[in-house]
Each structure stands twice: as structure tokens, then as C-alpha cells.
């Protein structure tokens, strides 16, 4: 007889929750249309994780980050044309 796996999903880490939140902002219809998104670190988010997330985003081709005076980070991207 097969073992049943636990139906309880693992609790996402704080970094995973941050990633999901930023991904939702970037994938919103408004951001996709503008090819830009504005993100802010929330008070309960760990600064090192925030910086790691921004570094990983910046590593992508065709992506530019712009730090704003109000603490926000503007993410811009271009979609390369298909050949």
C-alpha cells in the first residue's frame, strides 16, 4: 500500500513570501503594460533578504533598477524582439 504524503503544506520562508509579493507586483497588468514596477521594502521584511532579492532581479538581462529617494526601487525591463 502506498504511503500517503502529509497534506499540510510547508510554511513559506520570509524570503519566499517576499519573492511572491514582488512577483505579484511585477506581473500585474499595469506593470506589464508599462514594463516597469515600483517596489518598497515593508517594515517587517528583512533588509538582507530585500537586498538579495534586488541583486537577483538586477542579474537578469534587459532589467534596470533605479533607487528612489523615498526608499522605493523602480524596476524597468525591455522585452527583446524575436528574430
PDB file of N, CA and C in Angstrom:
ATOM      1  N   UNK A   1       0.844  -1.175   0.000  1.00  0.00           N
ATOM      2  CA  UNK A   1       0.000   0.000   0.000  1.00  0.00           C
ATOM      3  C   UNK A   1       0.891   1.240   0.000  1.00  0.00           C
ATOM      4  N   UNK A   2       0.519   2.247  -0.771  1.00  0.00           N
ATOM      5  CA  UNK A   2       1.320   3.473  -0.890  1.00  0.00           C
ATOM      6  C   UNK A   2       1.156   4.332   0.354  1.00  0.00           C
ATOM      7  N   UNK A   3       2.252   4.967   0.727  1.00  0.00           N
ATOM      8  CA  UNK A   3       2.217   5.902   1.860  1.00  0.00           C
ATOM      9  C   UNK A   3       1.543   7.193   1.428  1.00  0.00           C
ATOM     10  N   UNK A   4       0.721   7.708   2.293  1.00  0.00           N
ATOM     11  CA  UNK A   4       0.103   8.998   1.985  1.00  0.00           C
ATOM     12  C   UNK A   4       1.044  10.099   2.439  1.00  0.00           C
ATOM     13  N   UNK A   5       1.209  11.107   1.591  1.00  0.00           N
ATOM     14  CA  UNK A   5       2.046  12.240   1.979  1.00  0.00           C
ATOM     15  C   UNK A   5       1.224  13.194   2.834  1.00  0.00           C
ATOM     16  N   UNK A   6       1.921  13.946   3.622  1.00  0.00           N
ATOM     17  CA  UNK A   6       1.253  14.902   4.501  1.00  0.00           C
ATOM     18  C   UNK A   6       0.554  15.963   3.666  1.00  0.00           C
ATOM     19  N   UNK A   7      -0.672  16.270   4.003  1.00  0.00           N
ATOM     20  CA  UNK A   7      -1.441  17.268   3.256  1.00  0.00           C
ATOM     21  C   UNK A   7      -1.140  18.680   3.728  1.00  0.00           C
ATOM     22  N   UNK A   8      -0.346  18.802   4.772  1.00  0.00           N
ATOM     23  CA  UNK A   8      -0.022  20.118   5.311  1.00  0.00           C
ATOM     24  C   UNK A   8       1.103  20.746   4.484  1.00  0.00           C
ATOM     25  N   UNK A   9       0.826  21.855   3.811  1.00  0.00           N
ATOM     26  CA  UNK A   9       1.889  22.492   3.027  1.00  0.00           C
ATOM     27  C   UNK A   9       2.932  23.132   3.951  1.00  0.00           C
ATOM     28  N   UNK A  10       4.163  23.148   3.475  1.00  0.00           N
ATOM     29  CA  UNK A  10       5.232  23.773   4.254  1.00  0.00           C
ATOM     30  C   UNK A  10       4.997  25.284   4.316  1.00  0.00           C
ATOM     31  N   UNK A  11       5.288  25.870   5.441  1.00  0.00           N
ATOM     32  CA  UNK A  11       5.154  27.311   5.596  1.00  0.00           C
ATOM     33  C   UNK A  11       6.270  27.991   4.804  1.00  0.00           C
ATOM     34  N   UNK A  12       5.924  28.940   3.920  1.00  0.00           N
ATOM     35  CA  UNK A  12       6.976  29.603   3.138  1.00  0.00           C
ATOM     36  C   UNK A  12       7.878  30.453   4.038  1.00  0.00           C
ATOM     37  N   UNK A  13       9.145  30.521   3.658  1.00  0.00           N
ATOM     38  CA  UNK A  13      10.097  31.340   4.412  1.00  0.00           C
ATOM     39  C   UNK A  13       9.803  32.820   4.160  1.00  0.00           C
ATOM     40  N   UNK A  14      10.407  33.675   4.958  1.00  0.00           N
ATOM     41  CA  UNK A  14      10.209  35.117   4.773  1.00  0.00           C
ATOM     42  C   UNK A  14      10.720  35.546   3.401  1.00  0.00           C
ATOM     43  N   UNK A  15      11.801  34.913   2.927  1.00  0.00           N
ATOM     44  CA  UNK A  15      12.343  35.249   1.609  1.00  0.00           C
ATOM     45  C   UNK A  15      11.372  34.818   0.506  1.00  0.00           C
ATOM     46  N   UNK A  16      10.764  33.644   0.672  1.00  0.00           N
ATOM     47  CA  UNK A  16       9.790  33.179  -0.317  1.00  0.00           C
ATOM     48  C   UNK A  16       8.565  34.094  -0.343  1.00  0.00           C
ATOM     49  N   UNK A  17       8.112  34.534   0.824  1.00  0.00           N
ATOM     50  CA  UNK A  17       6.965  35.456   0.873  1.00  0.00           C
ATOM     51  C   UNK A  17       7.311  36.779   0.185  1.00  0.00           C
ATOM     52  N   UNK A  18       8.528  37.269   0.410  1.00  0.00           N
ATOM     53  CA  UNK A  18       8.986  38.487  -0.255  1.00  0.00           C
ATOM     54  C   UNK A  18       8.984  38.289  -1.769  1.00  0.00           C
ATOM     55  N   UNK A  19       9.507  37.152  -2.206  1.00  0.00           N
ATOM     56  CA  UNK A  19       9.548  36.859  -3.639  1.00  0.00           C
ATOM     57  C   UNK A  19       8.168  36.827  -4.262  1.00  0.00           C
ATOM     58  N   UNK A  20       7.223  36.201  -3.588  1.00  0.00           N
ATOM     59  CA  UNK A  20       5.851  36.130  -4.098  1.00  0.00           C
ATOM     60  C   UNK A  20       5.246  37.529  -4.186  1.00  0.00           C
ATOM     61  N   UNK A  21       5.483  38.340  -3.167  1.00  0.00           N
ATOM     62  CA  UNK A  21       4.924  39.703  -3.160  1.00  0.00           C
ATOM     63  C   UNK A  21       5.483  40.533  -4.318  1.00  0.00           C
ATOM     64  N   UNK A  22       6.791  40.503  -4.498  1.00  0.00           N
ATOM     65  CA  UNK A  22       7.420  41.270  -5.578  1.00  0.00           C
ATOM     66  C   UNK A  22       6.988  40.721  -6.943  1.00  0.00           C
ATOM     67  N   UNK A  23       6.887  39.403  -7.049  1.00  0.00           N
ATOM     68  CA  UNK A  23       6.457  38.787  -8.308  1.00  0.00           C
ATOM     69  C   UNK A  23       5.044  39.238  -8.681  1.00  0.00           C
ATOM     70  N   UNK A  24       4.155  39.325  -7.707  1.00  0.00           N
ATOM     71  CA  UNK A  24       2.789  39.790  -7.986  1.00  0.00           C
ATOM     72  C   UNK A  24       2.789  41.218  -8.507  1.00  0.00           C
ATOM     73  N   UNK A  25       3.644  42.067  -7.935  1.00  0.00           N
ATOM     74  CA  UNK A  25       3.721  43.461  -8.382  1.00  0.00           C
ATOM     75  C   UNK A  25       4.231  43.516  -9.822  1.00  0.00           C
ATOM     76  N   UNK A  26       5.306  42.779 -10.095  1.00  0.00           N
ATOM     77  CA  UNK A  26       5.903  42.789 -11.441  1.00  0.00           C
ATOM     78  C   UNK A  26       4.948  42.198 -12.472  1.00  0.00           C
ATOM     79  N   UNK A  27       4.199  41.179 -12.094  1.00  0.00           N
ATOM     80  CA  UNK A  27       3.303  40.503 -13.034  1.00  0.00           C
ATOM     81  C   UNK A  27       1.933  41.153 -13.166  1.00  0.00           C
ATOM     82  N   UNK A  28       1.689  42.233 -12.429  1.00  0.00           N
ATOM     83  CA  UNK A  28       0.389  42.888 -12.534  1.00  0.00           C
ATOM     84  C   UNK A  28       0.210  43.442 -13.951  1.00  0.00           C
ATOM     85  N   UNK A  29      -1.021  43.496 -14.428  1.00  0.00           N
ATOM     86  CA  UNK A  29      -1.265  44.010 -15.785  1.00  0.00           C
ATOM     87  C   UNK A  29      -0.716  45.426 -16.002  1.00  0.00           C
ATOM     88  N   UNK A  30      -0.827  46.273 -14.997  1.00  0.00           N
ATOM     89  CA  UNK A  30      -0.333  47.647 -15.126  1.00  0.00           C
ATOM     90  C   UNK A  30       1.177  47.667 -15.316  1.00  0.00           C
ATOM     91  N   UNK A  31       1.892  46.896 -14.503  1.00  0.00           N
ATOM     92  CA  UNK A  31       3.356  46.844 -14.612  1.00  0.00           C
ATOM     93  C   UNK A  31       3.775  46.218 -15.939  1.00  0.00           C
ATOM     94  N   UNK A  32       3.084  45.171 -16.360  1.00  0.00           N
ATOM     95  CA  UNK A  32       3.439  44.523 -17.617  1.00  0.00           C
ATOM     96  C   UNK A  32       3.238  45.461 -18.804  1.00  0.00           C
ATOM     97  N   UNK A  33       2.187  46.240 -18.765  1.00  0.00           N
ATOM     98  CA  UNK A  33       1.929  47.188 -19.852  1.00  0.00           C
ATOM     99  C   UNK A  33       3.010  48.267 -19.894  1.00  0.00           C
ATOM    100  N   UNK A  34       3.392  48.775 -18.706  1.00  0.00           N
ATOM    101  CA  UNK A  34       4.390  49.849 -18.623  1.00  0.00           C
ATOM    102  C   UNK A  34       5.823  49.330 -18.698  1.00  0.00           C
ATOM    103  N   UNK A  35       5.987  48.003 -18.535  1.00  0.00           N
ATOM    104  CA  UNK A  35       7.315  47.386 -18.439  1.00  0.00           C
ATOM    105  C   UNK A  35       8.122  48.053 -17.325  1.00  0.00           C
ATOM    106  N   UNK A  36       7.433  48.325 -16.227  1.00  0.00           N
ATOM    107  CA  UNK A  36       8.047  48.968 -15.058  1.00  0.00           C
ATOM    108  C   UNK A  36       7.208  48.654 -13.822  1.00  0.00           C
ATOM    109  N   UNK A  37       7.888  48.556 -12.684  1.00  0.00           N
ATOM    110  CA  UNK A  37       7.196  48.317 -11.419  1.00  0.00           C
ATOM    111  C   UNK A  37       7.930  49.069 -10.318  1.00  0.00           C
ATOM    112  N   UNK A  38       7.172  49.548  -9.362  1.00  0.00           N
ATOM    113  CA  UNK A  38       7.736  50.239  -8.214  1.00  0.00           C
ATOM    114  C   UNK A  38       7.530  49.367  -6.989  1.00  0.00           C
ATOM    115  N   UNK A  39       8.622  49.045  -6.298  1.00  0.00           N
ATOM    116  CA  UNK A  39       8.538  48.187  -5.112  1.00  0.00           C
ATOM    117  C   UNK A  39       9.175  48.897  -3.918  1.00  0.00           C
ATOM    118  N   UNK A  40       8.631  48.589  -2.750  1.00  0.00           N
ATOM    119  CA  UNK A  40       9.142  49.121  -1.489  1.00  0.00           C
ATOM    120  C   UNK A  40       9.339  47.958  -0.530  1.00  0.00           C
ATOM    121  N   UNK A  41      10.335  48.050   0.327  1.00  0.00           N
ATOM    122  CA  UNK A  41      10.529  47.048   1.382  1.00  0.00           C
ATOM    123  C   UNK A  41       9.541  47.359   2.491  1.00  0.00           C
ATOM    124  N   UNK A  42       8.809  46.357   2.922  1.00  0.00           N
ATOM    125  CA  UNK A  42       7.872  46.526   4.029  1.00  0.00           C
ATOM    126  C   UNK A  42       8.636  46.482   5.350  1.00  0.00           C
ATOM    127  N   UNK A  43       8.109  47.131   6.386  1.00  0.00           N
ATOM    128  CA  UNK A  43       8.826  47.204   7.669  1.00  0.00           C
ATOM    129  C   UNK A  43       9.176  45.839   8.269  1.00  0.00           C
ATOM    130  N   UNK A  44       8.346  44.821   8.021  1.00  0.00           N
ATOM    131  CA  UNK A  44       8.611  43.506   8.613  1.00  0.00           C
ATOM    132  C   UNK A  44       9.512  42.623   7.754  1.00  0.00           C
ATOM    133  N   UNK A  45       9.963  43.129   6.612  1.00  0.00           N
ATOM    134  CA  UNK A  45      10.845  42.353   5.737  1.00  0.00           C
ATOM    135  C   UNK A  45      12.309  42.600   6.105  1.00  0.00           C
ATOM    136  N   UNK A  46      13.094  41.539   6.050  1.00  0.00           N
ATOM    137  CA  UNK A  46      14.499  41.592   6.441  1.00  0.00           C
ATOM    138  C   UNK A  46      15.303  42.307   5.362  1.00  0.00           C
ATOM    139  N   UNK A  47      16.103  43.299   5.781  1.00  0.00           N
ATOM    140  CA  UNK A  47      16.843  44.113   4.823  1.00  0.00           C
ATOM    141  C   UNK A  47      17.811  43.292   3.975  1.00  0.00           C
ATOM    142  N   UNK A  48      18.492  42.322   4.574  1.00  0.00           N
ATOM    143  CA  UNK A  48      19.423  41.480   3.804  1.00  0.00           C
ATOM    144  C   UNK A  48      18.686  40.681   2.724  1.00  0.00           C
ATOM    145  N   UNK A  49      17.495  40.188   3.054  1.00  0.00           N
ATOM    146  CA  UNK A  49      16.702  39.452   2.066  1.00  0.00           C
ATOM    147  C   UNK A  49      16.217  40.379   0.957  1.00  0.00           C
ATOM    148  N   UNK A  50      15.845  41.586   1.332  1.00  0.00           N
ATOM    149  CA  UNK A  50      15.423  42.593   0.354  1.00  0.00           C
ATOM    150  C   UNK A  50      16.569  42.877  -0.626  1.00  0.00           C
ATOM    151  N   UNK A  51      17.760  43.096  -0.083  1.00  0.00           N
ATOM    152  CA  UNK A  51      18.921  43.384  -0.933  1.00  0.00           C
ATOM    153  C   UNK A  51      19.259  42.190  -1.826  1.00  0.00           C
ATOM    154  N   UNK A  52      19.145  40.982  -1.278  1.00  0.00           N
ATOM    155  CA  UNK A  52      19.403  39.778  -2.077  1.00  0.00           C
ATOM    156  C   UNK A  52      18.406  39.681  -3.231  1.00  0.00           C
ATOM    157  N   UNK A  53      17.142  39.956  -2.946  1.00  0.00           N
ATOM    158  CA  UNK A  53      16.105  39.902  -3.978  1.00  0.00           C
ATOM    159  C   UNK A  53      16.406  40.903  -5.097  1.00  0.00           C
ATOM    160  N   UNK A  54      16.785  42.118  -4.721  1.00  0.00           N
ATOM    161  CA  UNK A  54      17.094  43.137  -5.733  1.00  0.00           C
ATOM    162  C   UNK A  54      18.313  42.741  -6.555  1.00  0.00           C
ATOM    163  N   UNK A  55      19.332  42.155  -5.920  1.00  0.00           N
ATOM    164  CA  UNK A  55      20.520  41.690  -6.646  1.00  0.00           C
ATOM    165  C   UNK A  55      20.139  40.626  -7.671  1.00  0.00           C
ATOM    166  N   UNK A  56      19.277  39.717  -7.272  1.00  0.00           N
ATOM    167  CA  UNK A  56      18.861  38.654  -8.186  1.00  0.00           C
ATOM    168  C   UNK A  56      18.043  39.206  -9.346  1.00  0.00           C
ATOM    169  N   UNK A  57      17.206  40.180  -9.079  1.00  0.00           N
ATOM    170  CA  UNK A  57      16.434  40.809 -10.158  1.00  0.00           C
ATOM    171  C   UNK A  57      17.378  41.524 -11.120  1.00  0.00           C
ATOM    172  N   UNK A  58      18.364  42.244 -10.564  1.00  0.00           N
ATOM    173  CA  UNK A  58      19.294  43.030 -11.388  1.00  0.00           C
ATOM    174  C   UNK A  58      20.172  42.153 -12.270  1.00  0.00           C
ATOM    175  N   UNK A  59      20.361  40.883 -11.895  1.00  0.00           N
ATOM    176  CA  UNK A  59      21.203  39.975 -12.688  1.00  0.00           C
ATOM    177  C   UNK A  59      20.575  39.614 -14.026  1.00  0.00           C
ATOM    178  N   UNK A  60      19.281  39.835 -14.171  1.00  0.00           N
ATOM    179  CA  UNK A  60      18.591  39.488 -15.408  1.00  0.00           C
ATOM    180  C   UNK A  60      18.940  40.452 -16.525  1.00  0.00           C
ATOM    181  N   UNK A  61      19.087  39.900 -17.726  1.00  0.00           N
ATOM    182  CA  UNK A  61      19.329  40.733 -18.902  1.00  0.00           C
ATOM    183  C   UNK A  61      18.133  41.643 -19.131  1.00  0.00           C
ATOM    184  N   UNK A  62      18.388  42.822 -19.654  1.00  0.00           N
ATOM    185  CA  UNK A  62      17.344  43.776 -20.039  1.00  0.00           C
ATOM    186  C   UNK A  62      16.546  44.326 -18.862  1.00  0.00           C
ATOM    187  N   UNK A  63      17.134  44.285 -17.656  1.00  0.00           N
ATOM    188  CA  UNK A  63      16.476  44.812 -16.461  1.00  0.00           C
ATOM    189  C   UNK A  63      17.339  45.914 -15.866  1.00  0.00           C
ATOM    190  N   UNK A  64      16.698  47.025 -15.481  1.00  0.00           N
ATOM    191  CA  UNK A  64      17.392  48.150 -14.853  1.00  0.00           C
ATOM    192  C   UNK A  64      16.680  48.481 -13.552  1.00  0.00           C
ATOM    193  N   UNK A  65      17.460  48.717 -12.505  1.00  0.00           N
ATOM    194  CA  UNK A  65      16.904  49.141 -11.224  1.00  0.00           C
ATOM    195  C   UNK A  65      17.291  50.592 -10.975  1.00  0.00           C
ATOM    196  N   UNK A  66      16.351  51.356 -10.433  1.00  0.00           N
ATOM    197  CA  UNK A  66      16.616  52.755 -10.079  1.00  0.00           C
ATOM    198  C   UNK A  66      16.126  52.980  -8.656  1.00  0.00           C
ATOM    199  N   UNK A  67      17.068  53.321  -7.758  1.00  0.00           N
ATOM    200  CA  UNK A  67      16.712  53.583  -6.361  1.00  0.00           C
ATOM    201  C   UNK A  67      16.182  55.009  -6.244  1.00  0.00           C
ATOM    202  N   UNK A  68      15.063  55.153  -5.557  1.00  0.00           N
ATOM    203  CA  UNK A  68      14.423  56.453  -5.398  1.00  0.00           C
ATOM    204  C   UNK A  68      14.711  57.013  -4.011  1.00  0.00           C
ATOM    205  N   UNK A  69      14.597  58.323  -3.890  1.00  0.00           N
ATOM    206  CA  UNK A  69      14.841  59.000  -2.608  1.00  0.00           C
ATOM    207  C   UNK A  69      13.847  58.581  -1.526  1.00  0.00           C
ATOM    208  N   UNK A  70      12.657  58.143  -1.921  1.00  0.00           N
ATOM    209  CA  UNK A  70      11.644  57.745  -0.942  1.00  0.00           C
ATOM    210  C   UNK A  70      11.798  56.301  -0.461  1.00  0.00           C
ATOM    211  N   UNK A  71      12.883  55.636  -0.881  1.00  0.00           N
ATOM    212  CA  UNK A  71      13.142  54.269  -0.452  1.00  0.00           C
ATOM    213  C   UNK A  71      12.634  53.210  -1.415  1.00  0.00           C
ATOM    214  N   UNK A  72      11.873  53.611  -2.387  1.00  0.00           N
ATOM    215  CA  UNK A  72      11.369  52.664  -3.377  1.00  0.00           C
ATOM    216  C   UNK A  72      12.427  52.316  -4.402  1.00  0.00           C
ATOM    217  N   UNK A  73      12.187  51.230  -5.102  1.00  0.00           N
ATOM    218  CA  UNK A  73      13.061  50.822  -6.198  1.00  0.00           C
ATOM    219  C   UNK A  73      12.186  50.645  -7.428  1.00  0.00           C
ATOM    220  N   UNK A  74      12.528  51.366  -8.468  1.00  0.00           N
ATOM    221  CA  UNK A  74      11.811  51.265  -9.738  1.00  0.00           C
ATOM    222  C   UNK A  74      12.521  50.208 -10.574  1.00  0.00           C
ATOM    223  N   UNK A  75      11.767  49.244 -11.050  1.00  0.00           N
ATOM    224  CA  UNK A  75      12.302  48.180 -11.898  1.00  0.00           C
ATOM    225  C   UNK A  75      11.787  48.415 -13.308  1.00  0.00           C
ATOM    226  N   UNK A  76      12.709  48.502 -14.252  1.00  0.00           N
ATOM    227  CA  UNK A  76      12.353  48.683 -15.664  1.00  0.00           C
ATOM    228  C   UNK A  76      12.876  47.482 -16.437  1.00  0.00           C
ATOM    229  N   UNK A  77      12.171  47.066 -17.465  1.00  0.00           N
ATOM    230  CA  UNK A  77      12.664  45.987 -18.309  1.00  0.00           C
ATOM    231  C   UNK A  77      12.229  46.193 -19.741  1.00  0.00           C
ATOM    232  N   UNK A  78      12.989  45.574 -20.616  1.00  0.00           N
ATOM    233  CA  UNK A  78      12.648  45.582 -22.036  1.00  0.00           C
ATOM    234  C   UNK A  78      12.494  44.133 -22.459  1.00  0.00           C
ATOM    235  N   UNK A  79      11.658  43.936 -23.445  1.00  0.00           N
ATOM    236  CA  UNK A  79      11.452  42.592 -23.994  1.00  0.00           C
ATOM    237  C   UNK A  79      12.161  42.555 -25.345  1.00  0.00           C
ATOM    238  N   UNK A  80      13.172  41.702 -25.470  1.00  0.00           N
ATOM    239  CA  UNK A  80      13.891  41.650 -26.743  1.00  0.00           C
ATOM    240  C   UNK A  80      12.963  41.204 -27.869  1.00  0.00           C
ATOM    241  N   UNK A  81      13.197  41.747 -29.043  1.00  0.00           N
ATOM    242  CA  UNK A  81      12.393  41.385 -30.206  1.00  0.00           C
ATOM    243  C   UNK A  81      12.796  40.003 -30.680  1.00  0.00           C
ATOM    244  N   UNK A  82      11.795  39.254 -31.126  1.00  0.00           N
ATOM    245  CA  UNK A  82      12.040  37.922 -31.665  1.00  0.00           C
ATOM    246  C   UNK A  82      12.668  38.062 -33.058  1.00  0.00           C
ATOM    247  N   UNK A  83      13.570  37.164 -33.375  1.00  0.00           N
ATOM    248  CA  UNK A  83      14.195  37.183 -34.714  1.00  0.00           C
ATOM    249  C   UNK A  83      13.277  36.574 -35.748  1.00  0.00           C
TER     250      UNK A  83
END
